[in-house]
Amino acid sequence: MNYEVEFIRDIPCIYRMKLLSDIRDQMENNSSS
């Protein structure tokens, strides 16, 4: 059970960058369409 918490604690930076890039892609798609 603990390994999930440690994993989540390890990835926030990478996850945030991926989330930001996904949002940016969605925004660009919305504005272009």
PDB file of N, CA and C in Angstrom:
ATOM      1  N   MET A   1       0.840  -1.208   0.000  1.00  0.00           N
ATOM      2  CA  MET A   1       0.000   0.000   0.000  1.00  0.00           C
ATOM      3  C   MET A   1       0.877   1.261   0.000  1.00  0.00           C
ATOM      4  N   ASN A   2       1.956   1.215   0.758  1.00  0.00           N
ATOM      5  CA  ASN A   2       2.813   2.393   0.880  1.00  0.00           C
ATOM      6  C   ASN A   2       3.475   2.758  -0.432  1.00  0.00           C
ATOM      7  N   TYR A   3       3.742   1.761  -1.250  1.00  0.00           N
ATOM      8  CA  TYR A   3       4.479   2.035  -2.497  1.00  0.00           C
ATOM      9  C   TYR A   3       3.710   3.007  -3.386  1.00  0.00           C
ATOM     10  N   GLU A   4       2.394   3.002  -3.302  1.00  0.00           N
ATOM     11  CA  GLU A   4       1.613   3.945  -4.115  1.00  0.00           C
ATOM     12  C   GLU A   4       1.894   5.381  -3.674  1.00  0.00           C
ATOM     13  N   VAL A   5       1.927   5.594  -2.373  1.00  0.00           N
ATOM     14  CA  VAL A   5       2.179   6.943  -1.855  1.00  0.00           C
ATOM     15  C   VAL A   5       3.566   7.409  -2.277  1.00  0.00           C
ATOM     16  N   GLU A   6       4.559   6.535  -2.152  1.00  0.00           N
ATOM     17  CA  GLU A   6       5.922   6.919  -2.536  1.00  0.00           C
ATOM     18  C   GLU A   6       5.994   7.199  -4.028  1.00  0.00           C
ATOM     19  N   PHE A   7       5.298   6.409  -4.814  1.00  0.00           N
ATOM     20  CA  PHE A   7       5.285   6.616  -6.262  1.00  0.00           C
ATOM     21  C   PHE A   7       4.677   7.973  -6.592  1.00  0.00           C
ATOM     22  N   ILE A   8       3.551   8.268  -5.968  1.00  0.00           N
ATOM     23  CA  ILE A   8       2.877   9.550  -6.217  1.00  0.00           C
ATOM     24  C   ILE A   8       3.779  10.698  -5.773  1.00  0.00           C
ATOM     25  N   ARG A   9       4.544  10.487  -4.719  1.00  0.00           N
ATOM     26  CA  ARG A   9       5.418  11.555  -4.233  1.00  0.00           C
ATOM     27  C   ARG A   9       6.591  11.758  -5.184  1.00  0.00           C
ATOM     28  N   ASP A  10       6.941  10.711  -5.919  1.00  0.00           N
ATOM     29  CA  ASP A  10       8.101  10.788  -6.815  1.00  0.00           C
ATOM     30  C   ASP A  10       7.775  11.477  -8.133  1.00  0.00           C
ATOM     31  N   ILE A  11       6.536  11.365  -8.588  1.00  0.00           N
ATOM     32  CA  ILE A  11       6.220  11.806  -9.951  1.00  0.00           C
ATOM     33  C   ILE A  11       5.530  13.156 -10.106  1.00  0.00           C
ATOM     34  N   PRO A  12       5.229  13.886  -9.039  1.00  0.00           N
ATOM     35  CA  PRO A  12       4.396  15.077  -9.222  1.00  0.00           C
ATOM     36  C   PRO A  12       4.951  16.034 -10.266  1.00  0.00           C
ATOM     37  N   CYS A  13       6.253  16.203 -10.294  1.00  0.00           N
ATOM     38  CA  CYS A  13       6.854  17.143 -11.249  1.00  0.00           C
ATOM     39  C   CYS A  13       6.624  16.664 -12.677  1.00  0.00           C
ATOM     40  N   ILE A  14       6.936  15.418 -12.947  1.00  0.00           N
ATOM     41  CA  ILE A  14       6.754  14.868 -14.295  1.00  0.00           C
ATOM     42  C   ILE A  14       5.278  14.886 -14.665  1.00  0.00           C
ATOM     43  N   TYR A  15       4.451  14.505 -13.705  1.00  0.00           N
ATOM     44  CA  TYR A  15       3.012  14.462 -13.967  1.00  0.00           C
ATOM     45  C   TYR A  15       2.491  15.858 -14.285  1.00  0.00           C
ATOM     46  N   ARG A  16       2.990  16.838 -13.540  1.00  0.00           N
ATOM     47  CA  ARG A  16       2.545  18.218 -13.756  1.00  0.00           C
ATOM     48  C   ARG A  16       2.947  18.684 -15.152  1.00  0.00           C
ATOM     49  N   MET A  17       4.164  18.369 -15.561  1.00  0.00           N
ATOM     50  CA  MET A  17       4.628  18.782 -16.894  1.00  0.00           C
ATOM     51  C   MET A  17       3.772  18.134 -17.968  1.00  0.00           C
ATOM     52  N   LYS A  18       3.458  16.853 -17.792  1.00  0.00           N
ATOM     53  CA  LYS A  18       2.625  16.153 -18.773  1.00  0.00           C
ATOM     54  C   LYS A  18       1.230  16.771 -18.794  1.00  0.00           C
ATOM     55  N   LEU A  19       0.699  17.057 -17.618  1.00  0.00           N
ATOM     56  CA  LEU A  19      -0.635  17.644 -17.531  1.00  0.00           C
ATOM     57  C   LEU A  19      -0.652  19.002 -18.229  1.00  0.00           C
ATOM     58  N   LEU A  20       0.367  19.806 -17.994  1.00  0.00           N
ATOM     59  CA  LEU A  20       0.426  21.125 -18.617  1.00  0.00           C
ATOM     60  C   LEU A  20       0.498  21.010 -20.131  1.00  0.00           C
ATOM     61  N   SER A  21       1.290  20.097 -20.619  1.00  0.00           N
ATOM     62  CA  SER A  21       1.411  19.932 -22.073  1.00  0.00           C
ATOM     63  C   SER A  21       0.089  19.449 -22.658  1.00  0.00           C
ATOM     64  N   ASP A  22      -0.605  18.560 -21.933  1.00  0.00           N
ATOM     65  CA  ASP A  22      -1.907  18.082 -22.414  1.00  0.00           C
ATOM     66  C   ASP A  22      -2.899  19.237 -22.475  1.00  0.00           C
ATOM     67  N   ILE A  23      -2.921  20.052 -21.443  1.00  0.00           N
ATOM     68  CA  ILE A  23      -3.844  21.192 -21.412  1.00  0.00           C
ATOM     69  C   ILE A  23      -3.511  22.159 -22.543  1.00  0.00           C
ATOM     70  N   ARG A  24      -2.223  22.382 -22.765  1.00  0.00           N
ATOM     71  CA  ARG A  24      -1.807  23.304 -23.825  1.00  0.00           C
ATOM     72  C   ARG A  24      -2.274  22.779 -25.179  1.00  0.00           C
ATOM     73  N   ASP A  25      -2.139  21.486 -25.386  1.00  0.00           N
ATOM     74  CA  ASP A  25      -2.587  20.893 -26.652  1.00  0.00           C
ATOM     75  C   ASP A  25      -4.095  21.065 -26.810  1.00  0.00           C
ATOM     76  N   GLN A  26      -4.830  20.831 -25.739  1.00  0.00           N
ATOM     77  CA  GLN A  26      -6.285  20.965 -25.809  1.00  0.00           C
ATOM     78  C   GLN A  26      -6.674  22.410 -26.119  1.00  0.00           C
ATOM     79  N   MET A  27      -6.014  23.350 -25.476  1.00  0.00           N
ATOM     80  CA  MET A  27      -6.327  24.760 -25.706  1.00  0.00           C
ATOM     81  C   MET A  27      -6.038  25.134 -27.155  1.00  0.00           C
ATOM     82  N   GLU A  28      -4.915  24.687 -27.681  1.00  0.00           N
ATOM     83  CA  GLU A  28      -4.572  25.001 -29.072  1.00  0.00           C
ATOM     84  C   GLU A  28      -5.594  24.389 -30.016  1.00  0.00           C
ATOM     85  N   ASN A  29      -6.020  23.179 -29.728  1.00  0.00           N
ATOM     86  CA  ASN A  29      -7.007  22.524 -30.584  1.00  0.00           C
ATOM     87  C   ASN A  29      -8.334  23.274 -30.527  1.00  0.00           C
ATOM     88  N   ASN A  30      -8.716  23.710 -29.339  1.00  0.00           N
ATOM     89  CA  ASN A  30      -9.985  24.413 -29.193  1.00  0.00           C
ATOM     90  C   ASN A  30      -9.956  25.758 -29.911  1.00  0.00           C
ATOM     91  N   SER A  31      -8.856  26.457 -29.811  1.00  0.00           N
ATOM     92  CA  SER A  31      -8.778  27.790 -30.408  1.00  0.00           C
ATOM     93  C   SER A  31      -8.666  27.705 -31.927  1.00  0.00           C
ATOM     94  N   SER A  32      -8.098  26.635 -32.430  1.00  0.00           N
ATOM     95  CA  SER A  32      -7.899  26.513 -33.879  1.00  0.00           C
ATOM     96  C   SER A  32      -9.168  26.034 -34.572  1.00  0.00           C
ATOM     97  N   SER A  33     -10.020  25.334 -33.833  1.00  0.00           N
ATOM     98  CA  SER A  33     -11.212  24.782 -34.469  1.00  0.00           C
ATOM     99  C   SER A  33     -12.359  25.787 -34.481  1.00  0.00           C
TER     100      SER A  33
END
